[in-house]
Amino acid sequence: MPLVSSVEHEAARVDERELLARLRAGDEGEFMRLVDELGPSLLRVARLYVKTRAVAEEVVQETWLGVLNGLDRFEGRSSLKTWIFRILTNTAKTRGVRESRSIPFSALGDDADDESGPTVDPDRFMTDGEFAGHWASPPRSWSQPEARLEAAETRAVIQRAIEALPSSQRTVITLRDVEGWSSQEIRNVLDLSETNERVLLHRARAKVRRALDDYLQLGS
């Protein structure tokens, strides 16, 4: 398995070097394919930092201009995708600060909610007797009933819960669970330590699960 992973990794590096060479040579078709591939994700990530879709679209346009202007200076220390998203997040943060929405990731402890508090309500656990510390009101399985979890209303509950998160948590869970990024990609783009990324994702998932659990209980 490690050998296969190593071979696949090297093949990906070769493919990226070839792509970079074509982009630097001015291959417009290759550039447009890259725009089509990354454009929707870039727009969704930009929306995490700015208030309107129109501003997010401007951020994406500025990002592609930055990519074109910086291709010759790109040294390949990260993947091309990571580099592009770094340009995007830096651009979006600048615009977001102007709109008083963005919270710097260097101030992770300054989120509005109390990061030192429990991720699950203590009242959900027993406090006395033989089963102290066990669930008094256990969370319902997300897989029952499956039809409700697939419903548009349930997806809306999840989306609202994500939107209500502090910005750092919202960004991490969106990249990990919505965009499907790896933890390493998130850390590289957002310049987070492994511990910070893991804590932010854990707290974000706990809050989203709590919101979904409350919704399912109300409907039971």
N, C-alpha and C. Protein backbone atom coordinates (compact mmCIF):
# COMPACT_ATOMS: atom_id res chain seq x y z
N MET A 1 0.81 -1.22 0.00
CA MET A 1 0.00 0.00 0.00
C MET A 1 0.85 1.28 0.00
N PRO A 2 1.92 1.39 0.87
CA PRO A 2 2.76 2.58 0.82
C PRO A 2 3.40 2.79 -0.54
N LEU A 3 3.78 1.67 -1.22
CA LEU A 3 4.40 1.79 -2.54
C LEU A 3 3.41 2.38 -3.53
N VAL A 4 2.15 1.91 -3.50
CA VAL A 4 1.13 2.43 -4.40
C VAL A 4 0.91 3.91 -4.15
N SER A 5 0.82 4.28 -2.88
CA SER A 5 0.61 5.68 -2.54
C SER A 5 1.76 6.54 -3.03
N SER A 6 3.00 6.02 -2.90
CA SER A 6 4.17 6.76 -3.34
C SER A 6 4.15 6.95 -4.85
N VAL A 7 3.78 5.90 -5.58
CA VAL A 7 3.71 5.98 -7.04
C VAL A 7 2.65 6.97 -7.47
N GLU A 8 1.47 6.90 -6.84
CA GLU A 8 0.39 7.81 -7.18
C GLU A 8 0.79 9.25 -6.89
N HIS A 9 1.48 9.46 -5.76
CA HIS A 9 1.90 10.80 -5.39
C HIS A 9 2.88 11.36 -6.42
N GLU A 10 3.82 10.53 -6.85
CA GLU A 10 4.81 10.98 -7.83
C GLU A 10 4.15 11.26 -9.17
N ALA A 11 3.16 10.43 -9.54
CA ALA A 11 2.44 10.67 -10.79
C ALA A 11 1.69 11.99 -10.75
N ALA A 12 1.11 12.29 -9.59
CA ALA A 12 0.40 13.56 -9.43
C ALA A 12 1.36 14.74 -9.55
N ARG A 13 2.56 14.57 -9.00
CA ARG A 13 3.56 15.65 -9.08
C ARG A 13 3.99 15.87 -10.54
N VAL A 14 4.14 14.78 -11.27
CA VAL A 14 4.52 14.89 -12.69
C VAL A 14 3.41 15.59 -13.46
N ASP A 15 2.17 15.18 -13.22
CA ASP A 15 1.03 15.80 -13.89
C ASP A 15 0.96 17.29 -13.60
N GLU A 16 1.22 17.65 -12.35
CA GLU A 16 1.14 19.06 -11.98
C GLU A 16 2.27 19.86 -12.63
N ARG A 17 3.46 19.27 -12.72
CA ARG A 17 4.56 19.96 -13.38
C ARG A 17 4.24 20.20 -14.85
N GLU A 18 3.62 19.20 -15.47
CA GLU A 18 3.23 19.36 -16.88
C GLU A 18 2.16 20.43 -17.03
N LEU A 19 1.20 20.44 -16.12
CA LEU A 19 0.15 21.45 -16.15
C LEU A 19 0.76 22.83 -15.97
N LEU A 20 1.66 22.97 -15.01
CA LEU A 20 2.29 24.26 -14.75
C LEU A 20 3.06 24.74 -15.98
N ALA A 21 3.75 23.82 -16.65
CA ALA A 21 4.51 24.18 -17.85
C ALA A 21 3.57 24.70 -18.94
N ARG A 22 2.43 24.04 -19.10
CA ARG A 22 1.47 24.48 -20.12
C ARG A 22 0.87 25.84 -19.77
N LEU A 23 0.59 26.04 -18.49
CA LEU A 23 0.04 27.33 -18.07
C LEU A 23 1.05 28.45 -18.30
N ARG A 24 2.30 28.19 -17.99
CA ARG A 24 3.34 29.21 -18.18
C ARG A 24 3.58 29.49 -19.66
N ALA A 25 3.28 28.50 -20.49
CA ALA A 25 3.44 28.68 -21.93
C ALA A 25 2.25 29.41 -22.55
N GLY A 26 1.26 29.74 -21.72
CA GLY A 26 0.11 30.50 -22.21
C GLY A 26 -0.98 29.66 -22.81
N ASP A 27 -1.11 28.40 -22.38
CA ASP A 27 -2.15 27.51 -22.89
C ASP A 27 -3.51 27.96 -22.32
N GLU A 28 -4.29 28.67 -23.12
CA GLU A 28 -5.57 29.21 -22.66
C GLU A 28 -6.57 28.10 -22.36
N GLY A 29 -6.57 27.03 -23.16
CA GLY A 29 -7.48 25.93 -22.94
C GLY A 29 -7.24 25.27 -21.59
N GLU A 30 -5.97 25.08 -21.23
CA GLU A 30 -5.64 24.47 -19.95
C GLU A 30 -6.04 25.39 -18.80
N PHE A 31 -5.83 26.68 -19.01
CA PHE A 31 -6.21 27.64 -17.97
C PHE A 31 -7.72 27.63 -17.75
N MET A 32 -8.49 27.60 -18.81
CA MET A 32 -9.95 27.59 -18.69
C MET A 32 -10.44 26.30 -18.05
N ARG A 33 -9.78 25.18 -18.31
CA ARG A 33 -10.15 23.94 -17.64
C ARG A 33 -9.90 24.04 -16.14
N LEU A 34 -8.81 24.71 -15.78
CA LEU A 34 -8.51 24.91 -14.36
C LEU A 34 -9.56 25.83 -13.72
N VAL A 35 -9.96 26.86 -14.44
CA VAL A 35 -11.00 27.77 -13.95
C VAL A 35 -12.30 27.01 -13.74
N ASP A 36 -12.67 26.17 -14.68
CA ASP A 36 -13.90 25.39 -14.56
C ASP A 36 -13.83 24.41 -13.39
N GLU A 37 -12.65 23.84 -13.18
CA GLU A 37 -12.50 22.84 -12.13
C GLU A 37 -12.54 23.46 -10.73
N LEU A 38 -11.84 24.57 -10.54
CA LEU A 38 -11.71 25.16 -9.21
C LEU A 38 -12.68 26.31 -8.95
N GLY A 39 -13.25 26.87 -10.02
CA GLY A 39 -14.08 28.06 -9.87
C GLY A 39 -15.20 27.95 -8.83
N PRO A 40 -16.04 26.90 -8.89
CA PRO A 40 -17.13 26.80 -7.91
C PRO A 40 -16.63 26.74 -6.46
N SER A 41 -15.56 25.98 -6.22
CA SER A 41 -15.02 25.89 -4.86
C SER A 41 -14.43 27.23 -4.42
N LEU A 42 -13.74 27.90 -5.32
CA LEU A 42 -13.19 29.21 -4.98
C LEU A 42 -14.29 30.17 -4.57
N LEU A 43 -15.40 30.15 -5.30
CA LEU A 43 -16.50 31.04 -4.99
C LEU A 43 -17.11 30.71 -3.63
N ARG A 44 -17.29 29.42 -3.34
CA ARG A 44 -17.86 29.04 -2.05
C ARG A 44 -16.95 29.43 -0.90
N VAL A 45 -15.65 29.26 -1.06
CA VAL A 45 -14.72 29.65 0.00
C VAL A 45 -14.70 31.17 0.16
N ALA A 46 -14.72 31.90 -0.93
CA ALA A 46 -14.74 33.37 -0.84
C ALA A 46 -15.96 33.86 -0.08
N ARG A 47 -17.11 33.16 -0.25
CA ARG A 47 -18.33 33.56 0.43
C ARG A 47 -18.23 33.40 1.93
N LEU A 48 -17.24 32.64 2.42
CA LEU A 48 -17.05 32.50 3.86
C LEU A 48 -16.48 33.76 4.48
N TYR A 49 -15.90 34.63 3.64
CA TYR A 49 -15.22 35.81 4.14
C TYR A 49 -15.93 37.12 3.84
N VAL A 50 -16.76 37.12 2.83
CA VAL A 50 -17.39 38.37 2.41
C VAL A 50 -18.91 38.24 2.45
N LYS A 51 -19.59 39.38 2.41
CA LYS A 51 -21.03 39.39 2.69
C LYS A 51 -21.89 39.02 1.49
N THR A 52 -21.45 39.32 0.29
CA THR A 52 -22.32 39.11 -0.86
C THR A 52 -21.65 38.26 -1.92
N ARG A 53 -22.48 37.64 -2.74
CA ARG A 53 -21.96 36.83 -3.85
C ARG A 53 -21.21 37.71 -4.84
N ALA A 54 -21.70 38.94 -5.05
CA ALA A 54 -21.05 39.83 -6.01
C ALA A 54 -19.61 40.11 -5.60
N VAL A 55 -19.40 40.38 -4.30
CA VAL A 55 -18.04 40.64 -3.82
C VAL A 55 -17.20 39.36 -3.92
N ALA A 56 -17.82 38.22 -3.62
CA ALA A 56 -17.10 36.95 -3.72
C ALA A 56 -16.64 36.70 -5.15
N GLU A 57 -17.49 37.03 -6.12
CA GLU A 57 -17.12 36.87 -7.52
C GLU A 57 -15.94 37.79 -7.88
N GLU A 58 -15.93 38.99 -7.31
CA GLU A 58 -14.80 39.90 -7.54
C GLU A 58 -13.52 39.32 -6.94
N VAL A 59 -13.64 38.72 -5.77
CA VAL A 59 -12.48 38.10 -5.12
C VAL A 59 -11.93 36.97 -5.99
N VAL A 60 -12.82 36.17 -6.56
CA VAL A 60 -12.38 35.07 -7.43
C VAL A 60 -11.67 35.62 -8.66
N GLN A 61 -12.22 36.68 -9.25
CA GLN A 61 -11.58 37.29 -10.42
C GLN A 61 -10.19 37.81 -10.07
N GLU A 62 -10.08 38.47 -8.92
CA GLU A 62 -8.77 38.97 -8.48
C GLU A 62 -7.81 37.81 -8.24
N THR A 63 -8.34 36.70 -7.75
CA THR A 63 -7.51 35.52 -7.51
C THR A 63 -6.91 35.01 -8.81
N TRP A 64 -7.73 34.88 -9.86
CA TRP A 64 -7.21 34.38 -11.13
C TRP A 64 -6.21 35.34 -11.74
N LEU A 65 -6.42 36.64 -11.54
CA LEU A 65 -5.41 37.61 -12.00
C LEU A 65 -4.11 37.41 -11.24
N GLY A 66 -4.24 37.16 -9.94
CA GLY A 66 -3.04 36.90 -9.14
C GLY A 66 -2.32 35.64 -9.58
N VAL A 67 -3.09 34.63 -9.96
CA VAL A 67 -2.50 33.38 -10.46
C VAL A 67 -1.72 33.64 -11.74
N LEU A 68 -2.34 34.34 -12.68
CA LEU A 68 -1.68 34.62 -13.96
C LEU A 68 -0.41 35.45 -13.74
N ASN A 69 -0.49 36.42 -12.86
CA ASN A 69 0.68 37.29 -12.62
C ASN A 69 1.78 36.59 -11.83
N GLY A 70 1.40 35.54 -11.08
CA GLY A 70 2.39 34.91 -10.21
C GLY A 70 2.89 33.56 -10.66
N LEU A 71 2.43 33.07 -11.81
CA LEU A 71 2.82 31.73 -12.27
C LEU A 71 4.34 31.57 -12.37
N ASP A 72 5.00 32.57 -12.89
CA ASP A 72 6.45 32.47 -13.07
C ASP A 72 7.19 32.46 -11.73
N ARG A 73 6.55 32.98 -10.69
CA ARG A 73 7.20 33.02 -9.38
C ARG A 73 6.82 31.84 -8.49
N PHE A 74 5.86 31.03 -8.94
CA PHE A 74 5.44 29.89 -8.14
C PHE A 74 6.56 28.85 -8.10
N GLU A 75 7.01 28.49 -6.89
CA GLU A 75 8.17 27.63 -6.72
C GLU A 75 7.81 26.17 -6.46
N GLY A 76 6.54 25.87 -6.35
CA GLY A 76 6.14 24.48 -6.16
C GLY A 76 6.37 23.94 -4.76
N ARG A 77 6.51 24.82 -3.77
CA ARG A 77 6.68 24.34 -2.40
C ARG A 77 5.39 23.73 -1.86
N SER A 78 4.28 24.11 -2.42
CA SER A 78 2.99 23.51 -2.11
C SER A 78 2.37 23.07 -3.43
N SER A 79 1.22 22.42 -3.36
CA SER A 79 0.55 22.05 -4.59
C SER A 79 0.01 23.31 -5.26
N LEU A 80 -0.26 23.21 -6.56
CA LEU A 80 -0.80 24.35 -7.29
C LEU A 80 -2.16 24.76 -6.71
N LYS A 81 -2.97 23.77 -6.36
CA LYS A 81 -4.28 24.05 -5.76
C LYS A 81 -4.13 24.81 -4.46
N THR A 82 -3.23 24.37 -3.60
CA THR A 82 -3.01 25.06 -2.32
C THR A 82 -2.58 26.50 -2.56
N TRP A 83 -1.67 26.70 -3.49
CA TRP A 83 -1.19 28.05 -3.80
C TRP A 83 -2.33 28.94 -4.28
N ILE A 84 -3.17 28.42 -5.16
CA ILE A 84 -4.29 29.21 -5.68
C ILE A 84 -5.25 29.59 -4.56
N PHE A 85 -5.55 28.64 -3.69
CA PHE A 85 -6.48 28.94 -2.60
C PHE A 85 -5.86 29.87 -1.56
N ARG A 86 -4.56 29.85 -1.42
CA ARG A 86 -3.91 30.83 -0.53
C ARG A 86 -4.09 32.24 -1.08
N ILE A 87 -3.93 32.37 -2.38
CA ILE A 87 -4.16 33.68 -3.01
C ILE A 87 -5.60 34.12 -2.75
N LEU A 88 -6.53 33.18 -2.92
CA LEU A 88 -7.94 33.50 -2.70
C LEU A 88 -8.20 33.92 -1.26
N THR A 89 -7.74 33.14 -0.29
CA THR A 89 -8.05 33.46 1.10
C THR A 89 -7.40 34.77 1.52
N ASN A 90 -6.19 35.04 1.05
CA ASN A 90 -5.57 36.32 1.38
C ASN A 90 -6.36 37.49 0.79
N THR A 91 -6.81 37.32 -0.45
CA THR A 91 -7.61 38.36 -1.09
C THR A 91 -8.94 38.52 -0.38
N ALA A 92 -9.58 37.40 -0.07
CA ALA A 92 -10.89 37.44 0.59
C ALA A 92 -10.80 38.02 1.99
N LYS A 93 -9.74 37.69 2.72
CA LYS A 93 -9.58 38.24 4.06
C LYS A 93 -9.46 39.76 4.01
N THR A 94 -8.70 40.27 3.03
CA THR A 94 -8.56 41.71 2.90
C THR A 94 -9.90 42.37 2.65
N ARG A 95 -10.69 41.77 1.75
CA ARG A 95 -12.02 42.32 1.48
C ARG A 95 -12.94 42.14 2.68
N GLY A 96 -12.83 40.99 3.36
CA GLY A 96 -13.68 40.72 4.50
C GLY A 96 -13.43 41.65 5.66
N VAL A 97 -12.15 42.00 5.88
CA VAL A 97 -11.82 42.93 6.96
C VAL A 97 -12.47 44.28 6.69
N ARG A 98 -12.48 44.70 5.44
CA ARG A 98 -13.13 45.96 5.10
C ARG A 98 -14.62 45.92 5.43
N GLU A 99 -15.20 44.75 5.31
CA GLU A 99 -16.63 44.61 5.57
C GLU A 99 -16.91 44.18 7.01
N SER A 100 -15.84 44.12 7.82
CA SER A 100 -15.96 43.77 9.24
C SER A 100 -16.59 42.39 9.45
N ARG A 101 -16.28 41.47 8.54
CA ARG A 101 -16.81 40.12 8.71
C ARG A 101 -15.73 39.12 9.05
N SER A 102 -14.53 39.31 8.50
CA SER A 102 -13.49 38.29 8.64
C SER A 102 -12.85 38.36 10.02
N ILE A 103 -12.58 37.18 10.61
CA ILE A 103 -11.85 37.08 11.87
C ILE A 103 -10.52 36.39 11.59
N PRO A 104 -9.39 37.05 11.85
CA PRO A 104 -8.10 36.45 11.53
C PRO A 104 -7.91 35.10 12.23
N PHE A 105 -7.33 34.16 11.52
CA PHE A 105 -7.08 32.86 12.11
C PHE A 105 -5.98 32.93 13.17
N SER A 106 -5.25 34.03 13.20
CA SER A 106 -4.24 34.20 14.25
C SER A 106 -4.88 34.53 15.58
N ALA A 107 -6.20 34.79 15.57
CA ALA A 107 -6.92 35.12 16.80
C ALA A 107 -8.02 34.10 17.03
N LEU A 108 -7.67 32.84 16.98
CA LEU A 108 -8.67 31.78 17.05
C LEU A 108 -9.42 31.78 18.36
N GLY A 109 -8.79 32.27 19.42
CA GLY A 109 -9.45 32.27 20.71
C GLY A 109 -10.41 33.41 20.88
N ASP A 110 -10.54 34.28 19.88
CA ASP A 110 -11.38 35.45 20.02
C ASP A 110 -12.76 35.28 19.42
N ASP A 111 -13.12 34.05 19.03
CA ASP A 111 -14.45 33.84 18.49
C ASP A 111 -15.50 34.19 19.53
N ALA A 112 -16.68 34.53 19.03
CA ALA A 112 -17.71 35.04 19.91
C ALA A 112 -18.15 34.03 20.95
N ASP A 113 -18.18 32.73 20.60
CA ASP A 113 -18.63 31.77 21.59
C ASP A 113 -17.47 31.33 22.47
N ASP A 114 -17.78 30.73 23.60
CA ASP A 114 -16.77 30.33 24.57
C ASP A 114 -16.14 29.02 24.16
N GLU A 115 -14.89 29.06 23.67
CA GLU A 115 -14.23 27.85 23.20
C GLU A 115 -13.81 26.94 24.33
N SER A 116 -13.87 27.42 25.58
CA SER A 116 -13.47 26.58 26.70
C SER A 116 -14.64 25.76 27.23
N GLY A 117 -15.84 26.03 26.76
CA GLY A 117 -17.03 25.34 27.25
C GLY A 117 -17.16 23.96 26.63
N PRO A 118 -18.11 23.17 27.16
CA PRO A 118 -18.33 21.82 26.64
C PRO A 118 -18.97 21.84 25.27
N THR A 119 -18.65 20.85 24.45
CA THR A 119 -19.26 20.78 23.13
C THR A 119 -20.63 20.13 23.17
N VAL A 120 -20.95 19.45 24.28
CA VAL A 120 -22.26 18.84 24.46
C VAL A 120 -22.83 19.33 25.78
N ASP A 121 -24.11 19.65 25.83
CA ASP A 121 -24.78 20.15 27.02
C ASP A 121 -24.62 19.16 28.17
N PRO A 122 -24.06 19.57 29.33
CA PRO A 122 -23.87 18.65 30.46
C PRO A 122 -25.18 18.03 30.95
N ASP A 123 -26.32 18.71 30.71
CA ASP A 123 -27.60 18.17 31.15
C ASP A 123 -27.96 16.89 30.41
N ARG A 124 -27.25 16.59 29.32
CA ARG A 124 -27.54 15.38 28.56
C ARG A 124 -26.95 14.13 29.26
N PHE A 125 -26.18 14.33 30.34
CA PHE A 125 -25.53 13.21 31.02
C PHE A 125 -26.09 13.02 32.43
N MET A 126 -26.09 11.78 32.92
CA MET A 126 -26.48 11.48 34.30
C MET A 126 -25.39 11.94 35.25
N THR A 127 -25.79 12.40 36.42
CA THR A 127 -24.82 12.93 37.38
C THR A 127 -24.70 12.08 38.63
N ASP A 128 -25.67 11.19 38.89
CA ASP A 128 -25.67 10.41 40.13
C ASP A 128 -25.77 8.91 39.83
N GLY A 129 -25.38 8.13 40.84
CA GLY A 129 -25.61 6.70 40.77
C GLY A 129 -24.60 5.95 39.94
N GLU A 130 -24.93 4.72 39.66
CA GLU A 130 -24.02 3.81 38.98
C GLU A 130 -23.68 4.27 37.57
N PHE A 131 -24.62 4.97 36.92
CA PHE A 131 -24.42 5.35 35.53
C PHE A 131 -24.06 6.83 35.37
N ALA A 132 -23.48 7.43 36.41
CA ALA A 132 -23.05 8.82 36.32
C ALA A 132 -22.07 8.99 35.17
N GLY A 133 -22.30 10.03 34.36
CA GLY A 133 -21.44 10.27 33.21
C GLY A 133 -21.96 9.64 31.94
N HIS A 134 -22.95 8.76 32.05
CA HIS A 134 -23.55 8.16 30.86
C HIS A 134 -24.65 9.07 30.32
N TRP A 135 -25.03 8.84 29.07
CA TRP A 135 -26.09 9.64 28.46
C TRP A 135 -27.38 9.51 29.24
N ALA A 136 -27.99 10.65 29.60
CA ALA A 136 -29.37 10.65 30.11
C ALA A 136 -30.31 10.77 28.93
N SER A 137 -29.88 11.53 27.93
CA SER A 137 -30.65 11.70 26.70
C SER A 137 -29.70 11.48 25.53
N PRO A 138 -29.53 10.23 25.11
CA PRO A 138 -28.53 9.92 24.06
C PRO A 138 -28.89 10.55 22.73
N PRO A 139 -27.88 10.89 21.94
CA PRO A 139 -28.16 11.44 20.61
C PRO A 139 -28.80 10.38 19.73
N ARG A 140 -29.71 10.80 18.88
CA ARG A 140 -30.35 9.88 17.96
C ARG A 140 -29.42 9.57 16.80
N SER A 141 -29.54 8.36 16.30
CA SER A 141 -28.73 7.98 15.15
C SER A 141 -29.08 8.82 13.94
N TRP A 142 -28.06 9.32 13.24
CA TRP A 142 -28.29 10.11 12.03
C TRP A 142 -28.86 9.26 10.91
N SER A 143 -28.78 7.97 11.04
CA SER A 143 -29.23 7.12 9.94
C SER A 143 -30.69 6.70 10.08
N GLN A 144 -31.37 7.17 11.12
CA GLN A 144 -32.76 6.77 11.31
C GLN A 144 -33.63 8.00 11.54
N PRO A 145 -34.63 8.21 10.72
CA PRO A 145 -34.85 7.50 9.45
C PRO A 145 -34.02 8.12 8.34
N GLU A 146 -33.52 7.32 7.43
CA GLU A 146 -32.66 7.80 6.37
C GLU A 146 -33.38 8.81 5.48
N ALA A 147 -34.67 8.60 5.28
CA ALA A 147 -35.41 9.49 4.39
C ALA A 147 -35.36 10.93 4.89
N ARG A 148 -35.39 11.13 6.20
CA ARG A 148 -35.39 12.49 6.73
C ARG A 148 -34.03 13.13 6.58
N LEU A 149 -32.98 12.32 6.72
CA LEU A 149 -31.63 12.87 6.58
C LEU A 149 -31.36 13.30 5.15
N GLU A 150 -32.06 12.71 4.22
CA GLU A 150 -31.87 13.06 2.82
C GLU A 150 -32.79 14.20 2.38
N ALA A 151 -33.68 14.58 3.25
CA ALA A 151 -34.67 15.59 2.89
C ALA A 151 -34.03 16.97 2.80
N ALA A 152 -34.61 17.79 1.95
CA ALA A 152 -34.10 19.16 1.77
C ALA A 152 -34.18 19.94 3.08
N GLU A 153 -35.21 19.68 3.87
CA GLU A 153 -35.37 20.40 5.14
C GLU A 153 -34.23 20.09 6.08
N THR A 154 -33.80 18.83 6.12
CA THR A 154 -32.69 18.45 6.99
C THR A 154 -31.39 19.09 6.52
N ARG A 155 -31.17 19.09 5.21
CA ARG A 155 -29.97 19.74 4.68
C ARG A 155 -29.97 21.24 5.02
N ALA A 156 -31.16 21.82 5.02
CA ALA A 156 -31.26 23.25 5.37
C ALA A 156 -30.89 23.47 6.83
N VAL A 157 -31.27 22.53 7.70
CA VAL A 157 -30.90 22.63 9.12
C VAL A 157 -29.38 22.61 9.27
N ILE A 158 -28.74 21.70 8.54
CA ILE A 158 -27.29 21.59 8.59
C ILE A 158 -26.64 22.87 8.06
N GLN A 159 -27.16 23.39 6.95
CA GLN A 159 -26.59 24.60 6.37
C GLN A 159 -26.71 25.79 7.32
N ARG A 160 -27.89 25.92 7.96
CA ARG A 160 -28.07 27.02 8.91
C ARG A 160 -27.14 26.88 10.10
N ALA A 161 -26.94 25.64 10.54
CA ALA A 161 -26.03 25.41 11.68
C ALA A 161 -24.60 25.79 11.30
N ILE A 162 -24.19 25.47 10.08
CA ILE A 162 -22.84 25.84 9.64
C ILE A 162 -22.70 27.35 9.53
N GLU A 163 -23.71 28.00 8.98
CA GLU A 163 -23.67 29.46 8.81
C GLU A 163 -23.63 30.18 10.15
N ALA A 164 -24.16 29.56 11.21
CA ALA A 164 -24.19 30.19 12.53
C ALA A 164 -22.88 30.02 13.30
N LEU A 165 -21.97 29.21 12.78
CA LEU A 165 -20.71 28.97 13.47
C LEU A 165 -19.81 30.20 13.43
N PRO A 166 -18.91 30.34 14.40
CA PRO A 166 -17.85 31.36 14.30
C PRO A 166 -17.07 31.15 13.01
N SER A 167 -16.51 32.19 12.48
CA SER A 167 -15.94 32.15 11.13
C SER A 167 -14.86 31.09 10.97
N SER A 168 -13.99 30.93 11.96
CA SER A 168 -12.91 29.95 11.83
C SER A 168 -13.46 28.54 11.77
N GLN A 169 -14.44 28.23 12.62
CA GLN A 169 -15.05 26.91 12.60
C GLN A 169 -15.84 26.70 11.30
N ARG A 170 -16.55 27.73 10.87
CA ARG A 170 -17.34 27.63 9.64
C ARG A 170 -16.44 27.33 8.44
N THR A 171 -15.31 27.99 8.40
CA THR A 171 -14.40 27.79 7.28
C THR A 171 -13.83 26.37 7.27
N VAL A 172 -13.39 25.90 8.42
CA VAL A 172 -12.76 24.58 8.50
C VAL A 172 -13.76 23.47 8.16
N ILE A 173 -14.97 23.53 8.72
CA ILE A 173 -15.93 22.45 8.46
C ILE A 173 -16.42 22.51 7.01
N THR A 174 -16.51 23.70 6.44
CA THR A 174 -16.92 23.81 5.04
C THR A 174 -15.88 23.19 4.12
N LEU A 175 -14.62 23.50 4.37
CA LEU A 175 -13.56 22.94 3.53
C LEU A 175 -13.45 21.42 3.70
N ARG A 176 -13.60 20.95 4.94
CA ARG A 176 -13.41 19.52 5.21
C ARG A 176 -14.62 18.69 4.79
N ASP A 177 -15.81 19.10 5.22
CA ASP A 177 -16.99 18.25 5.06
C ASP A 177 -17.86 18.62 3.87
N VAL A 178 -17.74 19.84 3.37
CA VAL A 178 -18.52 20.23 2.20
C VAL A 178 -17.66 20.14 0.94
N GLU A 179 -16.45 20.72 1.00
CA GLU A 179 -15.57 20.70 -0.16
C GLU A 179 -14.76 19.41 -0.27
N GLY A 180 -14.64 18.68 0.83
CA GLY A 180 -13.93 17.41 0.79
C GLY A 180 -12.42 17.52 0.82
N TRP A 181 -11.90 18.62 1.37
CA TRP A 181 -10.45 18.79 1.45
C TRP A 181 -9.87 17.86 2.51
N SER A 182 -8.59 17.55 2.36
CA SER A 182 -7.88 16.81 3.40
C SER A 182 -7.49 17.77 4.51
N SER A 183 -7.20 17.20 5.69
CA SER A 183 -6.77 18.04 6.81
C SER A 183 -5.49 18.80 6.48
N GLN A 184 -4.59 18.14 5.76
CA GLN A 184 -3.33 18.79 5.41
C GLN A 184 -3.55 19.98 4.48
N GLU A 185 -4.46 19.83 3.51
CA GLU A 185 -4.76 20.94 2.61
C GLU A 185 -5.31 22.13 3.39
N ILE A 186 -6.19 21.85 4.34
CA ILE A 186 -6.77 22.93 5.15
C ILE A 186 -5.69 23.64 5.95
N ARG A 187 -4.83 22.86 6.58
CA ARG A 187 -3.76 23.47 7.39
C ARG A 187 -2.84 24.32 6.53
N ASN A 188 -2.52 23.84 5.33
CA ASN A 188 -1.62 24.58 4.46
C ASN A 188 -2.23 25.89 3.98
N VAL A 189 -3.50 25.84 3.58
CA VAL A 189 -4.14 27.04 3.04
C VAL A 189 -4.42 28.06 4.13
N LEU A 190 -4.87 27.60 5.30
CA LEU A 190 -5.26 28.52 6.37
C LEU A 190 -4.13 28.78 7.36
N ASP A 191 -2.99 28.13 7.15
CA ASP A 191 -1.83 28.30 8.03
C ASP A 191 -2.19 27.97 9.48
N LEU A 192 -2.78 26.80 9.67
CA LEU A 192 -3.19 26.32 10.99
C LEU A 192 -2.27 25.20 11.45
N SER A 193 -2.11 25.10 12.77
CA SER A 193 -1.41 23.94 13.32
C SER A 193 -2.35 22.74 13.27
N GLU A 194 -1.79 21.55 13.38
CA GLU A 194 -2.62 20.35 13.36
C GLU A 194 -3.61 20.36 14.52
N THR A 195 -3.16 20.82 15.69
CA THR A 195 -4.05 20.87 16.86
C THR A 195 -5.19 21.83 16.65
N ASN A 196 -4.90 23.03 16.16
CA ASN A 196 -5.96 24.02 15.95
C ASN A 196 -6.98 23.53 14.93
N GLU A 197 -6.49 22.94 13.84
CA GLU A 197 -7.42 22.44 12.81
C GLU A 197 -8.32 21.36 13.39
N ARG A 198 -7.75 20.47 14.17
CA ARG A 198 -8.52 19.37 14.74
C ARG A 198 -9.56 19.87 15.75
N VAL A 199 -9.17 20.84 16.58
CA VAL A 199 -10.10 21.39 17.58
C VAL A 199 -11.24 22.14 16.91
N LEU A 200 -10.91 22.96 15.91
CA LEU A 200 -11.95 23.71 15.20
C LEU A 200 -12.94 22.79 14.52
N LEU A 201 -12.44 21.74 13.88
CA LEU A 201 -13.32 20.80 13.19
C LEU A 201 -14.18 20.04 14.19
N HIS A 202 -13.59 19.63 15.30
CA HIS A 202 -14.35 18.89 16.31
C HIS A 202 -15.49 19.74 16.86
N ARG A 203 -15.20 20.98 17.22
CA ARG A 203 -16.23 21.85 17.79
C ARG A 203 -17.30 22.17 16.75
N ALA A 204 -16.89 22.40 15.52
CA ALA A 204 -17.86 22.70 14.47
C ALA A 204 -18.79 21.52 14.24
N ARG A 205 -18.22 20.33 14.13
CA ARG A 205 -19.05 19.14 13.91
C ARG A 205 -19.99 18.89 15.09
N ALA A 206 -19.49 19.12 16.32
CA ALA A 206 -20.33 18.90 17.50
C ALA A 206 -21.54 19.82 17.49
N LYS A 207 -21.33 21.09 17.10
CA LYS A 207 -22.44 22.04 17.08
C LYS A 207 -23.44 21.72 15.98
N VAL A 208 -22.93 21.30 14.83
CA VAL A 208 -23.83 20.94 13.74
C VAL A 208 -24.61 19.68 14.11
N ARG A 209 -23.95 18.73 14.72
CA ARG A 209 -24.65 17.52 15.13
C ARG A 209 -25.71 17.85 16.18
N ARG A 210 -25.38 18.75 17.10
CA ARG A 210 -26.34 19.13 18.14
C ARG A 210 -27.59 19.75 17.51
N ALA A 211 -27.38 20.62 16.52
CA ALA A 211 -28.52 21.25 15.85
C ALA A 211 -29.37 20.21 15.13
N LEU A 212 -28.71 19.25 14.48
CA LEU A 212 -29.45 18.22 13.77
C LEU A 212 -30.17 17.28 14.74
N ASP A 213 -29.51 16.96 15.84
CA ASP A 213 -30.12 16.11 16.86
C ASP A 213 -31.37 16.78 17.44
N ASP A 214 -31.27 18.08 17.72
CA ASP A 214 -32.43 18.82 18.24
C ASP A 214 -33.57 18.79 17.24
N TYR A 215 -33.24 18.95 15.97
CA TYR A 215 -34.26 18.94 14.92
C TYR A 215 -34.95 17.57 14.85
N LEU A 216 -34.15 16.50 14.92
CA LEU A 216 -34.73 15.16 14.84
C LEU A 216 -35.60 14.85 16.06
N GLN A 217 -35.19 15.34 17.23
CA GLN A 217 -35.97 15.09 18.43
C GLN A 217 -37.31 15.84 18.37
N LEU A 218 -37.29 17.05 17.82
CA LEU A 218 -38.52 17.82 17.72
C LEU A 218 -39.52 17.11 16.81
N GLY A 219 -39.00 16.40 15.84
CA GLY A 219 -39.89 15.73 14.88
C GLY A 219 -40.29 14.34 15.30
N SER A 220 -39.77 13.85 16.45
CA SER A 220 -40.07 12.48 16.86
C SER A 220 -41.42 12.39 17.56
